[in-house]
């Protein structure tokens, strides 16, 4: 990994995760409310920092490389741990407790 004073930042990881899920840089940029060139630049900088291509790019979509798939698992695990520690389960509904009644 190259480390010439640069560091991976949360914005780069956020852009990477959204682009990986969207499989399309333009759609990912729209979801993030940024221009596509900013998203592309951030991902390119991340790839340079990690010294590994994260996406296989085509004119219609992007696919993750093996390095991209490996990197995608880390933010997902970290986010899950953070949500659990904070007591936030934003992505899933609150579980129902047996025998409890829901209020109207």
C-alpha atoms as a PDB file:
ATOM      1  CA  UNK A   1       0.000   0.000   0.000  1.00  0.00           C
ATOM      2  CA  UNK A   2       1.391   3.409  -0.901  1.00  0.00           C
ATOM      3  CA  UNK A   3       1.416   5.928   1.869  1.00  0.00           C
ATOM      4  CA  UNK A   4       2.827   9.211   0.662  1.00  0.00           C
ATOM      5  CA  UNK A   5       1.108  11.363   3.267  1.00  0.00           C
ATOM      6  CA  UNK A   6      -2.360  10.469   1.970  1.00  0.00           C
ATOM      7  CA  UNK A   7      -4.979   8.674   3.977  1.00  0.00           C
ATOM      8  CA  UNK A   8      -8.238   6.943   3.200  1.00  0.00           C
ATOM      9  CA  UNK A   9     -11.112   9.084   4.429  1.00  0.00           C
ATOM     10  CA  UNK A  10     -14.710   8.277   5.270  1.00  0.00           C
ATOM     11  CA  UNK A  11     -15.997  10.197   2.257  1.00  0.00           C
ATOM     12  CA  UNK A  12     -13.983   7.973  -0.070  1.00  0.00           C
ATOM     13  CA  UNK A  13     -15.328   4.858   1.645  1.00  0.00           C
ATOM     14  CA  UNK A  14     -18.892   6.177   1.486  1.00  0.00           C
ATOM     15  CA  UNK A  15     -18.549   6.898  -2.235  1.00  0.00           C
ATOM     16  CA  UNK A  16     -17.027   3.460  -2.792  1.00  0.00           C
ATOM     17  CA  UNK A  17     -19.834   1.645  -0.957  1.00  0.00           C
ATOM     18  CA  UNK A  18     -22.598   3.547  -2.767  1.00  0.00           C
ATOM     19  CA  UNK A  19     -20.939   3.014  -6.163  1.00  0.00           C
ATOM     20  CA  UNK A  20     -20.456  -0.683  -5.428  1.00  0.00           C
ATOM     21  CA  UNK A  21     -24.124  -1.085  -4.554  1.00  0.00           C
ATOM     22  CA  UNK A  22     -25.335   0.969  -7.529  1.00  0.00           C
ATOM     23  CA  UNK A  23     -22.900  -0.703  -9.940  1.00  0.00           C
ATOM     24  CA  UNK A  24     -22.911   2.622 -11.771  1.00  0.00           C
ATOM     25  CA  UNK A  25     -20.923   5.792 -11.033  1.00  0.00           C
ATOM     26  CA  UNK A  26     -23.501   8.245 -12.396  1.00  0.00           C
ATOM     27  CA  UNK A  27     -26.351   6.709 -10.368  1.00  0.00           C
ATOM     28  CA  UNK A  28     -24.146   6.578  -7.276  1.00  0.00           C
ATOM     29  CA  UNK A  29     -23.233  10.247  -7.708  1.00  0.00           C
ATOM     30  CA  UNK A  30     -26.925  11.141  -7.980  1.00  0.00           C
ATOM     31  CA  UNK A  31     -27.687   9.217  -4.773  1.00  0.00           C
ATOM     32  CA  UNK A  32     -24.871  11.070  -3.018  1.00  0.00           C
ATOM     33  CA  UNK A  33     -25.854  14.454  -4.485  1.00  0.00           C
ATOM     34  CA  UNK A  34     -22.385  15.006  -5.973  1.00  0.00           C
ATOM     35  CA  UNK A  35     -21.185  15.337  -9.535  1.00  0.00           C
ATOM     36  CA  UNK A  36     -19.983  12.140 -11.168  1.00  0.00           C
ATOM     37  CA  UNK A  37     -16.469  13.540 -11.684  1.00  0.00           C
ATOM     38  CA  UNK A  38     -16.092  14.126  -7.916  1.00  0.00           C
ATOM     39  CA  UNK A  39     -17.155  10.557  -7.186  1.00  0.00           C
ATOM     40  CA  UNK A  40     -14.790   9.196  -9.843  1.00  0.00           C
ATOM     41  CA  UNK A  41     -11.898  11.278  -8.500  1.00  0.00           C
ATOM     42  CA  UNK A  42     -12.489  10.134  -4.930  1.00  0.00           C
ATOM     43  CA  UNK A  43     -12.633   6.482  -5.959  1.00  0.00           C
ATOM     44  CA  UNK A  44      -9.525   6.856  -8.125  1.00  0.00           C
ATOM     45  CA  UNK A  45      -7.689   8.402  -5.151  1.00  0.00           C
ATOM     46  CA  UNK A  46      -8.828   5.501  -2.971  1.00  0.00           C
ATOM     47  CA  UNK A  47      -7.564   2.992  -5.545  1.00  0.00           C
ATOM     48  CA  UNK A  48      -4.220   4.797  -5.677  1.00  0.00           C
ATOM     49  CA  UNK A  49      -3.944   4.873  -1.888  1.00  0.00           C
ATOM     50  CA  UNK A  50      -4.696   1.153  -1.675  1.00  0.00           C
ATOM     51  CA  UNK A  51      -2.572   0.438  -4.762  1.00  0.00           C
ATOM     52  CA  UNK A  52      -5.323  -1.769  -6.167  1.00  0.00           C
ATOM     53  CA  UNK A  53      -8.132  -1.362  -8.690  1.00  0.00           C
ATOM     54  CA  UNK A  54     -11.495  -1.677  -6.940  1.00  0.00           C
ATOM     55  CA  UNK A  55     -13.756  -1.652 -10.001  1.00  0.00           C
ATOM     56  CA  UNK A  56     -13.799  -3.099 -13.479  1.00  0.00           C
ATOM     57  CA  UNK A  57     -15.177  -0.212 -15.494  1.00  0.00           C
ATOM     58  CA  UNK A  58     -17.261  -0.438 -18.647  1.00  0.00           C
ATOM     59  CA  UNK A  59     -19.330   2.183 -20.430  1.00  0.00           C
ATOM     60  CA  UNK A  60     -22.579   0.919 -18.908  1.00  0.00           C
ATOM     61  CA  UNK A  61     -21.702  -0.252 -15.402  1.00  0.00           C
ATOM     62  CA  UNK A  62     -18.946  -1.046 -12.954  1.00  0.00           C
ATOM     63  CA  UNK A  63     -18.203  -4.343 -11.251  1.00  0.00           C
ATOM     64  CA  UNK A  64     -16.092  -4.979  -8.196  1.00  0.00           C
ATOM     65  CA  UNK A  65     -12.675  -6.580  -8.507  1.00  0.00           C
ATOM     66  CA  UNK A  66     -11.535  -9.118  -5.908  1.00  0.00           C
ATOM     67  CA  UNK A  67      -9.911  -6.245  -4.001  1.00  0.00           C
ATOM     68  CA  UNK A  68     -13.163  -4.276  -4.230  1.00  0.00           C
ATOM     69  CA  UNK A  69     -15.204  -7.191  -2.882  1.00  0.00           C
ATOM     70  CA  UNK A  70     -12.782  -7.600   0.017  1.00  0.00           C
ATOM     71  CA  UNK A  71     -12.896  -3.888   0.820  1.00  0.00           C
ATOM     72  CA  UNK A  72     -16.691  -3.780   0.657  1.00  0.00           C
ATOM     73  CA  UNK A  73     -16.986  -6.291   3.486  1.00  0.00           C
ATOM     74  CA  UNK A  74     -15.010  -4.145   5.926  1.00  0.00           C
ATOM     75  CA  UNK A  75     -17.243  -1.034   5.923  1.00  0.00           C
ATOM     76  CA  UNK A  76     -20.347  -3.233   6.137  1.00  0.00           C
ATOM     77  CA  UNK A  77     -18.984  -5.044   9.199  1.00  0.00           C
ATOM     78  CA  UNK A  78     -17.791  -1.804  10.802  1.00  0.00           C
ATOM     79  CA  UNK A  79     -21.142  -0.062  10.199  1.00  0.00           C
ATOM     80  CA  UNK A  80     -23.006  -3.013  11.682  1.00  0.00           C
ATOM     81  CA  UNK A  81     -20.805  -2.927  14.798  1.00  0.00           C
ATOM     82  CA  UNK A  82     -21.267   0.827  15.169  1.00  0.00           C
ATOM     83  CA  UNK A  83     -25.038   0.539  14.862  1.00  0.00           C
ATOM     84  CA  UNK A  84     -25.115  -2.251  17.422  1.00  0.00           C
ATOM     85  CA  UNK A  85     -22.937  -0.328  19.872  1.00  0.00           C
ATOM     86  CA  UNK A  86     -25.047   2.785  19.465  1.00  0.00           C
ATOM     87  CA  UNK A  87     -28.243   0.798  19.863  1.00  0.00           C
ATOM     88  CA  UNK A  88     -29.421   1.878  16.415  1.00  0.00           C
ATOM     89  CA  UNK A  89     -31.042  -0.609  14.111  1.00  0.00           C
ATOM     90  CA  UNK A  90     -31.990   1.769  11.340  1.00  0.00           C
ATOM     91  CA  UNK A  91     -32.067  -0.817   8.601  1.00  0.00           C
ATOM     92  CA  UNK A  92     -34.366  -3.275  10.331  1.00  0.00           C
ATOM     93  CA  UNK A  93     -37.676  -2.839  12.131  1.00  0.00           C
ATOM     94  CA  UNK A  94     -37.854  -3.166  15.891  1.00  0.00           C
ATOM     95  CA  UNK A  95     -38.494  -6.772  16.845  1.00  0.00           C
ATOM     96  CA  UNK A  96     -41.862  -7.524  18.399  1.00  0.00           C
ATOM     97  CA  UNK A  97     -41.847  -8.865  21.929  1.00  0.00           C
ATOM     98  CA  UNK A  98     -43.949 -11.967  22.499  1.00  0.00           C
ATOM     99  CA  UNK A  99     -47.104 -11.195  24.460  1.00  0.00           C
ATOM    100  CA  UNK A 100     -46.919  -7.441  23.954  1.00  0.00           C
ATOM    101  CA  UNK A 101     -49.706  -5.423  22.430  1.00  0.00           C
ATOM    102  CA  UNK A 102     -49.035  -2.713  19.902  1.00  0.00           C
ATOM    103  CA  UNK A 103     -50.595   0.635  20.653  1.00  0.00           C
ATOM    104  CA  UNK A 104     -52.820   2.241  17.996  1.00  0.00           C
END
